[in-house]
Amino acid sequence: MHPSEETLLAVASGHADQTLRLLVEGHLDRCAACRSTVGELSAGGGAMLAALEAEAAPDRLWQALRERVTAPEPPPSPLASAYDHLPLPDSVRQELPLRPLRWRSAFVKGLRFSVLMRDAFTGSFLLLGHMSPKKIFPRHIHMGNEDVLVLAGGYEDERGTFEAGAFVSYEPGSQHGPMTEPDEECWTLVRLEQPNRFLGWRGVLQSILT
């Protein structure tokens, strides 16, 4: 599975928010076909820029660059290695805020997730999910668009089986209960426009807790 051409165009044109851009860039790290598509979608804009008359950069820009080049390297943050052991794409790792991961339960042993960031303009969330082998994530309904990038392992649901590198989109109102493979843990990077709602007793408990 791959991002839609509309999603790739949003990334290529700069209209995607930060969470969607990072999710797609993580997929592009492994997918030559989508990288090629993004290159084709970007070609028109590049040609337009190349056709513009050259203009000298302002002096203040060169001054700012000189200051950055000559500035001493800041000491490494003690949190800089917080993501080292996780199967995150480098493009994502480089933009994450340096703060400890706070894992949350999905009401099932062996399932957990952590909110990595929230886009300041659209409010969308980027989450890291971890599921042990042969686990079923509680069935839930998507209140907004959900996009999933499988980082390691895989899962299956009503729409198919998705291995590492797969990019899967779920529209608002859809629902599923993914199950991981029997012999491999699953890591996912998930973009949510709105928090999902669990079904059954978990949904009742979720309402009470939130």
N, C-alpha and C. Protein backbone atom coordinates (compact mmCIF):
# COMPACT_ATOMS: atom_id res chain seq x y z
N MET A 1 0.85 -1.19 0.00
CA MET A 1 0.00 0.00 0.00
C MET A 1 0.89 1.25 0.00
N HIS A 2 0.38 2.28 -0.66
CA HIS A 2 1.14 3.52 -0.82
C HIS A 2 0.24 4.72 -0.56
N PRO A 3 0.83 5.89 -0.26
CA PRO A 3 0.02 7.10 -0.15
C PRO A 3 -0.65 7.39 -1.48
N SER A 4 -1.82 8.02 -1.42
CA SER A 4 -2.51 8.40 -2.66
C SER A 4 -1.71 9.49 -3.37
N GLU A 5 -2.00 9.67 -4.67
CA GLU A 5 -1.31 10.72 -5.41
C GLU A 5 -1.64 12.09 -4.84
N GLU A 6 -2.86 12.25 -4.32
CA GLU A 6 -3.24 13.53 -3.69
C GLU A 6 -2.36 13.81 -2.46
N THR A 7 -2.10 12.74 -1.69
CA THR A 7 -1.25 12.91 -0.50
C THR A 7 0.18 13.24 -0.91
N LEU A 8 0.70 12.54 -1.92
CA LEU A 8 2.06 12.82 -2.38
C LEU A 8 2.16 14.24 -2.94
N LEU A 9 1.10 14.69 -3.63
CA LEU A 9 1.10 16.05 -4.17
C LEU A 9 1.10 17.08 -3.04
N ALA A 10 0.35 16.80 -1.97
CA ALA A 10 0.33 17.71 -0.82
C ALA A 10 1.71 17.85 -0.21
N VAL A 11 2.45 16.74 -0.15
CA VAL A 11 3.81 16.77 0.40
C VAL A 11 4.75 17.51 -0.56
N ALA A 12 4.65 17.19 -1.85
CA ALA A 12 5.54 17.79 -2.85
C ALA A 12 5.32 19.30 -2.97
N SER A 13 4.08 19.74 -2.78
CA SER A 13 3.77 21.16 -2.94
C SER A 13 3.91 21.96 -1.65
N GLY A 14 4.17 21.27 -0.54
CA GLY A 14 4.33 21.96 0.74
C GLY A 14 3.02 22.24 1.45
N HIS A 15 1.91 21.63 0.99
CA HIS A 15 0.61 21.87 1.62
C HIS A 15 0.30 20.87 2.75
N ALA A 16 1.08 19.82 2.88
CA ALA A 16 0.85 18.85 3.95
C ALA A 16 1.30 19.43 5.29
N ASP A 17 0.58 19.10 6.35
CA ASP A 17 1.04 19.55 7.66
C ASP A 17 2.23 18.71 8.10
N GLN A 18 2.82 19.07 9.23
CA GLN A 18 4.07 18.44 9.65
C GLN A 18 3.92 16.95 9.89
N THR A 19 2.83 16.54 10.53
CA THR A 19 2.67 15.12 10.85
C THR A 19 2.49 14.28 9.59
N LEU A 20 1.73 14.78 8.61
CA LEU A 20 1.55 14.04 7.36
C LEU A 20 2.85 14.00 6.57
N ARG A 21 3.55 15.11 6.55
CA ARG A 21 4.82 15.15 5.81
C ARG A 21 5.80 14.14 6.38
N LEU A 22 5.93 14.09 7.70
CA LEU A 22 6.88 13.16 8.31
C LEU A 22 6.47 11.71 8.06
N LEU A 23 5.17 11.43 8.11
CA LEU A 23 4.71 10.07 7.86
C LEU A 23 5.03 9.64 6.43
N VAL A 24 4.77 10.53 5.48
CA VAL A 24 5.04 10.21 4.07
C VAL A 24 6.54 10.09 3.83
N GLU A 25 7.34 10.98 4.42
CA GLU A 25 8.79 10.90 4.25
C GLU A 25 9.33 9.58 4.79
N GLY A 26 8.73 9.08 5.87
CA GLY A 26 9.13 7.78 6.39
C GLY A 26 8.86 6.68 5.38
N HIS A 27 7.75 6.77 4.66
CA HIS A 27 7.44 5.80 3.61
C HIS A 27 8.39 5.96 2.43
N LEU A 28 8.71 7.20 2.08
CA LEU A 28 9.59 7.45 0.94
C LEU A 28 10.98 6.86 1.15
N ASP A 29 11.41 6.75 2.41
CA ASP A 29 12.72 6.16 2.71
C ASP A 29 12.83 4.74 2.15
N ARG A 30 11.69 4.04 2.02
CA ARG A 30 11.71 2.63 1.61
C ARG A 30 11.08 2.41 0.23
N CYS A 31 10.46 3.42 -0.34
CA CYS A 31 9.67 3.21 -1.55
C CYS A 31 10.20 4.03 -2.71
N ALA A 32 10.92 3.38 -3.62
CA ALA A 32 11.48 4.07 -4.78
C ALA A 32 10.38 4.58 -5.72
N ALA A 33 9.28 3.82 -5.84
CA ALA A 33 8.20 4.22 -6.74
C ALA A 33 7.57 5.54 -6.29
N CYS A 34 7.33 5.67 -5.00
CA CYS A 34 6.72 6.92 -4.50
C CYS A 34 7.72 8.07 -4.55
N ARG A 35 9.00 7.78 -4.33
CA ARG A 35 10.01 8.84 -4.48
C ARG A 35 10.01 9.37 -5.90
N SER A 36 9.89 8.47 -6.87
CA SER A 36 9.85 8.87 -8.27
C SER A 36 8.63 9.73 -8.55
N THR A 37 7.48 9.34 -7.98
CA THR A 37 6.25 10.12 -8.18
C THR A 37 6.38 11.51 -7.60
N VAL A 38 6.95 11.60 -6.39
CA VAL A 38 7.14 12.92 -5.78
C VAL A 38 8.07 13.78 -6.63
N GLY A 39 9.11 13.15 -7.21
CA GLY A 39 10.01 13.88 -8.09
C GLY A 39 9.28 14.43 -9.31
N GLU A 40 8.39 13.63 -9.88
CA GLU A 40 7.62 14.08 -11.04
C GLU A 40 6.67 15.21 -10.66
N LEU A 41 6.04 15.08 -9.49
CA LEU A 41 5.10 16.11 -9.05
C LEU A 41 5.82 17.42 -8.71
N SER A 42 7.08 17.31 -8.29
CA SER A 42 7.85 18.50 -7.94
C SER A 42 8.50 19.17 -9.14
N ALA A 43 8.57 18.44 -10.25
CA ALA A 43 9.32 18.95 -11.41
C ALA A 43 8.76 20.26 -11.94
N GLY A 44 7.43 20.37 -11.97
CA GLY A 44 6.82 21.59 -12.49
C GLY A 44 7.20 22.81 -11.68
N GLY A 45 7.14 22.68 -10.36
CA GLY A 45 7.52 23.81 -9.50
C GLY A 45 8.98 24.16 -9.64
N GLY A 46 9.83 23.13 -9.77
CA GLY A 46 11.26 23.39 -9.95
C GLY A 46 11.53 24.12 -11.25
N ALA A 47 10.82 23.74 -12.32
CA ALA A 47 11.00 24.41 -13.61
C ALA A 47 10.59 25.88 -13.52
N MET A 48 9.51 26.14 -12.79
CA MET A 48 9.06 27.53 -12.64
C MET A 48 10.08 28.36 -11.87
N LEU A 49 10.66 27.78 -10.82
CA LEU A 49 11.67 28.50 -10.05
C LEU A 49 12.91 28.75 -10.90
N ALA A 50 13.29 27.75 -11.71
CA ALA A 50 14.48 27.91 -12.55
C ALA A 50 14.29 29.00 -13.59
N ALA A 51 13.04 29.25 -13.97
CA ALA A 51 12.76 30.25 -15.00
C ALA A 51 12.75 31.67 -14.45
N LEU A 52 12.70 31.80 -13.12
CA LEU A 52 12.69 33.14 -12.53
C LEU A 52 14.04 33.81 -12.67
N GLU A 53 14.02 35.11 -12.74
CA GLU A 53 15.26 35.88 -12.84
C GLU A 53 16.03 35.78 -11.53
N ALA A 54 17.33 35.57 -11.65
CA ALA A 54 18.17 35.44 -10.45
C ALA A 54 18.14 36.73 -9.64
N GLU A 55 18.12 36.55 -8.32
CA GLU A 55 18.06 37.71 -7.42
C GLU A 55 19.04 37.48 -6.28
N ALA A 56 19.82 38.47 -5.96
CA ALA A 56 20.81 38.35 -4.90
C ALA A 56 20.13 38.18 -3.55
N ALA A 57 20.70 37.30 -2.73
CA ALA A 57 20.17 37.09 -1.38
C ALA A 57 20.50 38.29 -0.51
N PRO A 58 19.63 38.64 0.43
CA PRO A 58 19.89 39.79 1.30
C PRO A 58 21.09 39.55 2.20
N ASP A 59 21.79 40.63 2.55
CA ASP A 59 22.99 40.53 3.39
C ASP A 59 22.69 39.87 4.74
N ARG A 60 21.50 40.15 5.28
CA ARG A 60 21.18 39.58 6.60
C ARG A 60 21.12 38.05 6.56
N LEU A 61 20.77 37.48 5.39
CA LEU A 61 20.76 36.03 5.27
C LEU A 61 22.16 35.47 5.37
N TRP A 62 23.13 36.08 4.63
CA TRP A 62 24.51 35.61 4.69
C TRP A 62 25.09 35.78 6.09
N GLN A 63 24.72 36.88 6.77
CA GLN A 63 25.20 37.09 8.13
C GLN A 63 24.68 36.00 9.07
N ALA A 64 23.41 35.66 8.92
CA ALA A 64 22.82 34.61 9.76
C ALA A 64 23.50 33.27 9.50
N LEU A 65 23.81 32.99 8.22
CA LEU A 65 24.48 31.73 7.89
C LEU A 65 25.89 31.68 8.47
N ARG A 66 26.60 32.80 8.39
CA ARG A 66 27.96 32.85 8.96
C ARG A 66 27.92 32.60 10.47
N GLU A 67 26.94 33.19 11.14
CA GLU A 67 26.84 33.02 12.59
C GLU A 67 26.54 31.56 12.95
N ARG A 68 25.72 30.91 12.15
CA ARG A 68 25.40 29.52 12.43
C ARG A 68 26.59 28.61 12.17
N VAL A 69 27.36 28.90 11.12
CA VAL A 69 28.51 28.06 10.78
C VAL A 69 29.61 28.19 11.82
N THR A 70 29.81 29.40 12.33
CA THR A 70 30.90 29.64 13.28
C THR A 70 30.50 29.41 14.73
N ALA A 71 29.23 29.23 14.99
CA ALA A 71 28.78 29.03 16.37
C ALA A 71 29.30 27.70 16.91
N PRO A 72 29.67 27.62 18.18
CA PRO A 72 30.14 26.35 18.75
C PRO A 72 29.01 25.33 18.81
N GLU A 73 29.39 24.06 18.69
CA GLU A 73 28.40 22.99 18.76
C GLU A 73 27.80 22.93 20.16
N PRO A 74 26.47 22.90 20.27
CA PRO A 74 25.86 22.77 21.60
C PRO A 74 26.14 21.39 22.19
N PRO A 75 26.22 21.29 23.50
CA PRO A 75 26.45 19.97 24.10
C PRO A 75 25.28 19.04 23.81
N PRO A 76 25.54 17.75 23.62
CA PRO A 76 24.44 16.82 23.32
C PRO A 76 23.44 16.77 24.47
N SER A 77 22.18 16.77 24.13
CA SER A 77 21.14 16.69 25.15
C SER A 77 21.09 15.28 25.72
N PRO A 78 20.87 15.16 27.03
CA PRO A 78 20.75 13.81 27.61
C PRO A 78 19.56 13.04 27.04
N LEU A 79 18.62 13.76 26.38
CA LEU A 79 17.47 13.10 25.78
C LEU A 79 17.68 12.77 24.32
N ALA A 80 18.85 13.17 23.77
CA ALA A 80 19.08 13.00 22.34
C ALA A 80 19.02 11.54 21.91
N SER A 81 19.33 10.63 22.84
CA SER A 81 19.34 9.21 22.49
C SER A 81 18.02 8.52 22.87
N ALA A 82 17.01 9.30 23.22
CA ALA A 82 15.75 8.71 23.68
C ALA A 82 15.09 7.86 22.62
N TYR A 83 15.34 8.16 21.34
CA TYR A 83 14.70 7.44 20.25
C TYR A 83 15.64 6.46 19.55
N ASP A 84 16.88 6.33 20.04
CA ASP A 84 17.88 5.53 19.33
C ASP A 84 17.47 4.07 19.18
N HIS A 85 16.80 3.53 20.15
CA HIS A 85 16.47 2.11 20.13
C HIS A 85 15.16 1.82 19.40
N LEU A 86 14.53 2.86 18.86
CA LEU A 86 13.24 2.69 18.20
C LEU A 86 13.41 2.65 16.68
N PRO A 87 12.56 1.90 15.97
CA PRO A 87 12.70 1.76 14.51
C PRO A 87 12.10 2.95 13.75
N LEU A 88 12.51 4.17 14.13
CA LEU A 88 11.97 5.36 13.50
C LEU A 88 12.80 5.76 12.28
N PRO A 89 12.19 6.23 11.20
CA PRO A 89 12.96 6.76 10.07
C PRO A 89 13.79 7.96 10.51
N ASP A 90 14.97 8.12 9.94
CA ASP A 90 15.83 9.25 10.30
C ASP A 90 15.13 10.58 10.07
N SER A 91 14.35 10.68 9.00
CA SER A 91 13.66 11.93 8.70
C SER A 91 12.70 12.32 9.82
N VAL A 92 12.11 11.33 10.48
CA VAL A 92 11.20 11.60 11.60
C VAL A 92 11.99 11.89 12.86
N ARG A 93 13.01 11.07 13.11
CA ARG A 93 13.81 11.20 14.33
C ARG A 93 14.40 12.61 14.47
N GLN A 94 14.84 13.19 13.35
CA GLN A 94 15.51 14.49 13.38
C GLN A 94 14.58 15.64 13.75
N GLU A 95 13.28 15.46 13.60
CA GLU A 95 12.35 16.55 13.87
C GLU A 95 11.55 16.38 15.15
N LEU A 96 11.77 15.28 15.86
CA LEU A 96 11.01 15.07 17.08
C LEU A 96 11.53 15.95 18.21
N PRO A 97 10.65 16.48 19.03
CA PRO A 97 11.09 17.24 20.20
C PRO A 97 11.81 16.33 21.18
N LEU A 98 12.85 16.86 21.81
CA LEU A 98 13.64 16.06 22.75
C LEU A 98 12.95 16.03 24.11
N ARG A 99 12.17 14.99 24.30
CA ARG A 99 11.48 14.80 25.57
C ARG A 99 11.27 13.31 25.78
N PRO A 100 11.12 12.88 27.02
CA PRO A 100 10.95 11.45 27.29
C PRO A 100 9.66 10.92 26.66
N LEU A 101 9.69 9.67 26.22
CA LEU A 101 8.48 9.03 25.72
C LEU A 101 7.54 8.73 26.89
N ARG A 102 6.28 9.03 26.70
CA ARG A 102 5.28 8.71 27.71
C ARG A 102 4.32 7.69 27.10
N TRP A 103 4.49 6.44 27.50
CA TRP A 103 3.68 5.38 26.93
C TRP A 103 2.31 5.33 27.59
N ARG A 104 1.31 5.07 26.78
CA ARG A 104 -0.06 4.94 27.27
C ARG A 104 -0.59 3.55 26.91
N SER A 105 -1.52 3.07 27.72
CA SER A 105 -2.08 1.74 27.50
C SER A 105 -3.25 1.81 26.53
N ALA A 106 -3.42 0.73 25.78
CA ALA A 106 -4.58 0.59 24.91
C ALA A 106 -5.58 -0.41 25.50
N PHE A 107 -5.56 -0.54 26.83
CA PHE A 107 -6.48 -1.41 27.56
C PHE A 107 -6.25 -2.89 27.30
N VAL A 108 -5.12 -3.24 26.69
CA VAL A 108 -4.76 -4.65 26.47
C VAL A 108 -3.28 -4.79 26.76
N LYS A 109 -2.91 -5.83 27.53
CA LYS A 109 -1.51 -6.06 27.83
C LYS A 109 -0.73 -6.32 26.54
N GLY A 110 0.40 -5.67 26.39
CA GLY A 110 1.22 -5.85 25.20
C GLY A 110 0.94 -4.85 24.11
N LEU A 111 0.03 -3.91 24.37
CA LEU A 111 -0.28 -2.85 23.40
C LEU A 111 -0.05 -1.50 24.06
N ARG A 112 0.67 -0.64 23.40
CA ARG A 112 0.95 0.68 23.96
C ARG A 112 1.19 1.67 22.83
N PHE A 113 1.06 2.97 23.17
CA PHE A 113 1.33 4.00 22.18
C PHE A 113 1.83 5.25 22.91
N SER A 114 2.51 6.10 22.14
CA SER A 114 3.05 7.34 22.70
C SER A 114 2.84 8.46 21.69
N VAL A 115 2.35 9.60 22.16
CA VAL A 115 2.18 10.77 21.29
C VAL A 115 3.54 11.44 21.11
N LEU A 116 4.02 11.48 19.87
CA LEU A 116 5.33 12.06 19.59
C LEU A 116 5.27 13.57 19.38
N MET A 117 4.22 14.04 18.71
CA MET A 117 4.08 15.47 18.47
C MET A 117 2.66 15.78 18.04
N ARG A 118 2.34 17.08 18.05
CA ARG A 118 1.06 17.55 17.56
C ARG A 118 1.30 18.76 16.67
N ASP A 119 0.70 18.77 15.49
CA ASP A 119 0.88 19.90 14.59
C ASP A 119 0.22 21.14 15.17
N ALA A 120 0.97 22.25 15.21
CA ALA A 120 0.48 23.46 15.86
C ALA A 120 -0.67 24.12 15.10
N PHE A 121 -0.79 23.86 13.81
CA PHE A 121 -1.79 24.54 13.00
C PHE A 121 -3.04 23.68 12.77
N THR A 122 -2.86 22.40 12.45
CA THR A 122 -4.02 21.55 12.16
C THR A 122 -4.49 20.75 13.36
N GLY A 123 -3.63 20.60 14.37
CA GLY A 123 -4.01 19.82 15.54
C GLY A 123 -3.87 18.32 15.38
N SER A 124 -3.37 17.86 14.25
CA SER A 124 -3.21 16.42 14.04
C SER A 124 -2.10 15.87 14.93
N PHE A 125 -2.21 14.59 15.27
CA PHE A 125 -1.26 13.93 16.16
C PHE A 125 -0.38 12.95 15.38
N LEU A 126 0.86 12.80 15.84
CA LEU A 126 1.74 11.75 15.35
C LEU A 126 2.05 10.83 16.51
N LEU A 127 1.69 9.56 16.39
CA LEU A 127 1.85 8.60 17.47
C LEU A 127 2.77 7.47 17.04
N LEU A 128 3.47 6.92 18.03
CA LEU A 128 4.25 5.70 17.84
C LEU A 128 3.50 4.59 18.55
N GLY A 129 3.20 3.51 17.82
CA GLY A 129 2.49 2.38 18.41
C GLY A 129 3.35 1.14 18.47
N HIS A 130 3.19 0.35 19.52
CA HIS A 130 3.94 -0.91 19.67
C HIS A 130 2.97 -2.00 20.12
N MET A 131 2.98 -3.12 19.39
CA MET A 131 2.12 -4.25 19.71
C MET A 131 2.94 -5.52 19.74
N SER A 132 2.75 -6.32 20.76
CA SER A 132 3.42 -7.61 20.86
C SER A 132 2.86 -8.58 19.81
N PRO A 133 3.58 -9.69 19.56
CA PRO A 133 3.07 -10.65 18.58
C PRO A 133 1.70 -11.22 18.98
N LYS A 134 0.91 -11.53 17.95
CA LYS A 134 -0.38 -12.19 18.11
C LYS A 134 -1.29 -11.45 19.09
N LYS A 135 -1.41 -10.15 18.89
CA LYS A 135 -2.28 -9.32 19.71
C LYS A 135 -3.33 -8.67 18.81
N ILE A 136 -4.51 -8.47 19.36
CA ILE A 136 -5.58 -7.79 18.64
C ILE A 136 -5.79 -6.42 19.27
N PHE A 137 -5.61 -5.38 18.47
CA PHE A 137 -5.86 -4.04 18.98
C PHE A 137 -7.37 -3.86 19.12
N PRO A 138 -7.83 -3.29 20.24
CA PRO A 138 -9.28 -3.16 20.45
C PRO A 138 -9.97 -2.47 19.28
N ARG A 139 -11.12 -3.00 18.91
CA ARG A 139 -11.86 -2.44 17.78
C ARG A 139 -12.24 -0.98 18.08
N HIS A 140 -12.09 -0.13 17.09
CA HIS A 140 -12.34 1.29 17.29
C HIS A 140 -12.84 1.93 16.01
N ILE A 141 -13.42 3.10 16.14
CA ILE A 141 -13.93 3.84 15.00
C ILE A 141 -13.08 5.10 14.80
N HIS A 142 -12.81 5.43 13.56
CA HIS A 142 -11.99 6.59 13.25
C HIS A 142 -12.86 7.83 13.16
N MET A 143 -12.61 8.79 14.03
CA MET A 143 -13.39 10.02 14.06
C MET A 143 -12.90 11.02 13.02
N GLY A 144 -11.67 10.86 12.59
CA GLY A 144 -11.08 11.66 11.52
C GLY A 144 -10.21 10.76 10.67
N ASN A 145 -9.51 11.31 9.71
CA ASN A 145 -8.61 10.49 8.89
C ASN A 145 -7.51 9.90 9.77
N GLU A 146 -7.17 8.64 9.50
CA GLU A 146 -6.03 7.99 10.16
C GLU A 146 -5.11 7.44 9.07
N ASP A 147 -3.83 7.76 9.16
CA ASP A 147 -2.83 7.23 8.24
C ASP A 147 -1.81 6.45 9.05
N VAL A 148 -1.44 5.27 8.57
CA VAL A 148 -0.56 4.37 9.30
C VAL A 148 0.64 4.01 8.43
N LEU A 149 1.84 4.14 8.99
CA LEU A 149 3.05 3.66 8.36
C LEU A 149 3.58 2.51 9.22
N VAL A 150 3.69 1.33 8.63
CA VAL A 150 4.23 0.18 9.37
C VAL A 150 5.75 0.28 9.37
N LEU A 151 6.34 0.38 10.56
CA LEU A 151 7.79 0.53 10.70
C LEU A 151 8.51 -0.81 10.78
N ALA A 152 7.92 -1.76 11.46
CA ALA A 152 8.53 -3.09 11.62
C ALA A 152 7.42 -4.08 11.92
N GLY A 153 7.65 -5.34 11.52
CA GLY A 153 6.63 -6.35 11.72
C GLY A 153 5.48 -6.15 10.75
N GLY A 154 4.27 -6.39 11.21
CA GLY A 154 3.11 -6.23 10.36
C GLY A 154 1.83 -6.53 11.10
N TYR A 155 0.70 -6.22 10.45
CA TYR A 155 -0.61 -6.53 11.03
C TYR A 155 -1.59 -6.83 9.90
N GLU A 156 -2.72 -7.37 10.27
CA GLU A 156 -3.77 -7.61 9.29
C GLU A 156 -5.10 -7.15 9.84
N ASP A 157 -5.99 -6.75 8.95
CA ASP A 157 -7.35 -6.41 9.31
C ASP A 157 -8.25 -6.72 8.12
N GLU A 158 -9.45 -6.16 8.11
CA GLU A 158 -10.40 -6.46 7.05
C GLU A 158 -9.89 -6.03 5.67
N ARG A 159 -8.94 -5.12 5.63
CA ARG A 159 -8.49 -4.59 4.35
C ARG A 159 -7.27 -5.31 3.79
N GLY A 160 -6.67 -6.19 4.57
CA GLY A 160 -5.53 -6.93 4.06
C GLY A 160 -4.44 -7.12 5.09
N THR A 161 -3.27 -7.54 4.61
CA THR A 161 -2.10 -7.74 5.45
C THR A 161 -1.06 -6.69 5.08
N PHE A 162 -0.49 -6.03 6.07
CA PHE A 162 0.40 -4.91 5.83
C PHE A 162 1.74 -5.13 6.54
N GLU A 163 2.79 -5.15 5.75
CA GLU A 163 4.14 -5.40 6.26
C GLU A 163 4.91 -4.08 6.38
N ALA A 164 6.15 -4.18 6.89
CA ALA A 164 6.99 -2.99 7.08
C ALA A 164 7.10 -2.19 5.79
N GLY A 165 6.90 -0.88 5.91
CA GLY A 165 6.96 0.01 4.76
C GLY A 165 5.60 0.36 4.19
N ALA A 166 4.56 -0.41 4.54
CA ALA A 166 3.22 -0.16 4.00
C ALA A 166 2.65 1.13 4.58
N PHE A 167 1.94 1.86 3.74
CA PHE A 167 1.26 3.10 4.12
C PHE A 167 -0.23 2.86 3.90
N VAL A 168 -1.02 2.92 4.99
CA VAL A 168 -2.44 2.59 4.93
C VAL A 168 -3.26 3.77 5.43
N SER A 169 -4.34 4.10 4.74
CA SER A 169 -5.21 5.21 5.13
C SER A 169 -6.60 4.70 5.45
N TYR A 170 -7.19 5.24 6.52
CA TYR A 170 -8.55 4.90 6.94
C TYR A 170 -9.37 6.18 7.02
N GLU A 171 -10.53 6.19 6.38
CA GLU A 171 -11.36 7.38 6.32
C GLU A 171 -12.22 7.52 7.58
N PRO A 172 -12.71 8.72 7.86
CA PRO A 172 -13.59 8.91 9.02
C PRO A 172 -14.81 8.00 8.94
N GLY A 173 -15.18 7.42 10.07
CA GLY A 173 -16.33 6.52 10.12
C GLY A 173 -15.97 5.07 9.93
N SER A 174 -14.78 4.78 9.42
CA SER A 174 -14.36 3.38 9.26
C SER A 174 -13.92 2.83 10.62
N GLN A 175 -13.92 1.52 10.72
CA GLN A 175 -13.51 0.90 11.98
C GLN A 175 -12.79 -0.42 11.69
N HIS A 176 -11.93 -0.79 12.63
CA HIS A 176 -11.22 -2.06 12.50
C HIS A 176 -10.62 -2.45 13.84
N GLY A 177 -10.10 -3.69 13.89
CA GLY A 177 -9.40 -4.21 15.06
C GLY A 177 -8.19 -4.98 14.59
N PRO A 178 -7.08 -4.31 14.30
CA PRO A 178 -5.90 -4.96 13.70
C PRO A 178 -5.33 -6.06 14.59
N MET A 179 -4.78 -7.11 13.95
CA MET A 179 -4.12 -8.19 14.68
C MET A 179 -2.69 -8.33 14.17
N THR A 180 -1.74 -8.41 15.08
CA THR A 180 -0.34 -8.54 14.70
C THR A 180 -0.01 -9.97 14.29
N GLU A 181 1.14 -10.11 13.63
CA GLU A 181 1.58 -11.42 13.20
C GLU A 181 1.93 -12.29 14.41
N PRO A 182 1.85 -13.61 14.27
CA PRO A 182 2.01 -14.50 15.43
C PRO A 182 3.42 -14.58 16.00
N ASP A 183 4.43 -14.21 15.21
CA ASP A 183 5.80 -14.40 15.69
C ASP A 183 6.65 -13.13 15.62
N GLU A 184 6.02 -11.96 15.49
CA GLU A 184 6.80 -10.73 15.35
C GLU A 184 6.04 -9.55 15.92
N GLU A 185 6.74 -8.74 16.72
CA GLU A 185 6.10 -7.54 17.24
C GLU A 185 5.92 -6.51 16.11
N CYS A 186 5.03 -5.59 16.32
CA CYS A 186 4.69 -4.62 15.28
C CYS A 186 4.88 -3.20 15.81
N TRP A 187 5.61 -2.39 15.02
CA TRP A 187 5.79 -0.98 15.32
C TRP A 187 5.12 -0.16 14.21
N THR A 188 4.34 0.83 14.60
CA THR A 188 3.67 1.68 13.62
C THR A 188 3.84 3.15 13.96
N LEU A 189 3.82 3.97 12.93
CA LEU A 189 3.77 5.42 13.08
C LEU A 189 2.40 5.84 12.56
N VAL A 190 1.65 6.53 13.39
CA VAL A 190 0.24 6.79 13.08
C VAL A 190 -0.05 8.29 13.15
N ARG A 191 -0.73 8.78 12.13
CA ARG A 191 -1.21 10.17 12.13
C ARG A 191 -2.71 10.18 12.32
N LEU A 192 -3.17 10.90 13.32
CA LEU A 192 -4.59 11.02 13.61
C LEU A 192 -5.02 12.47 13.49
N GLU A 193 -6.11 12.70 12.79
CA GLU A 193 -6.67 14.05 12.76
C GLU A 193 -7.53 14.30 14.00
N GLN A 194 -8.12 13.23 14.52
CA GLN A 194 -8.88 13.28 15.77
C GLN A 194 -8.65 11.97 16.50
N PRO A 195 -8.73 11.97 17.83
CA PRO A 195 -8.56 10.71 18.56
C PRO A 195 -9.62 9.69 18.16
N ASN A 196 -9.21 8.42 18.07
CA ASN A 196 -10.16 7.35 17.79
C ASN A 196 -11.03 7.08 19.00
N ARG A 197 -12.16 6.44 18.75
CA ARG A 197 -13.06 6.05 19.84
C ARG A 197 -13.16 4.53 19.87
N PHE A 198 -12.85 3.95 21.04
CA PHE A 198 -12.99 2.51 21.19
C PHE A 198 -14.47 2.13 21.22
N LEU A 199 -14.76 0.91 20.82
CA LEU A 199 -16.11 0.39 20.86
C LEU A 199 -16.30 -0.50 22.09
N GLY A 200 -17.53 -0.78 22.46
CA GLY A 200 -17.81 -1.65 23.59
C GLY A 200 -17.45 -1.01 24.93
N TRP A 201 -17.10 -1.87 25.90
CA TRP A 201 -16.83 -1.37 27.25
C TRP A 201 -15.62 -0.46 27.29
N ARG A 202 -14.68 -0.66 26.36
CA ARG A 202 -13.50 0.20 26.33
C ARG A 202 -13.89 1.64 25.95
N GLY A 203 -14.89 1.76 25.09
CA GLY A 203 -15.36 3.09 24.73
C GLY A 203 -15.99 3.80 25.91
N VAL A 204 -16.73 3.04 26.74
CA VAL A 204 -17.33 3.62 27.94
C VAL A 204 -16.25 4.08 28.89
N LEU A 205 -15.23 3.23 29.11
CA LEU A 205 -14.12 3.58 29.99
C LEU A 205 -13.34 4.77 29.43
N GLN A 206 -13.15 4.81 28.12
CA GLN A 206 -12.46 5.93 27.49
C GLN A 206 -13.20 7.24 27.74
N SER A 207 -14.53 7.20 27.64
CA SER A 207 -15.33 8.41 27.88
C SER A 207 -15.18 8.90 29.30
N ILE A 208 -15.13 7.96 30.24
CA ILE A 208 -14.99 8.33 31.66
C ILE A 208 -13.62 8.96 31.92
N LEU A 209 -12.57 8.36 31.32
CA LEU A 209 -11.21 8.80 31.58
C LEU A 209 -10.88 10.10 30.87
N THR A 210 -11.59 10.42 29.79
CA THR A 210 -11.30 11.65 29.04
C THR A 210 -12.36 12.71 29.26
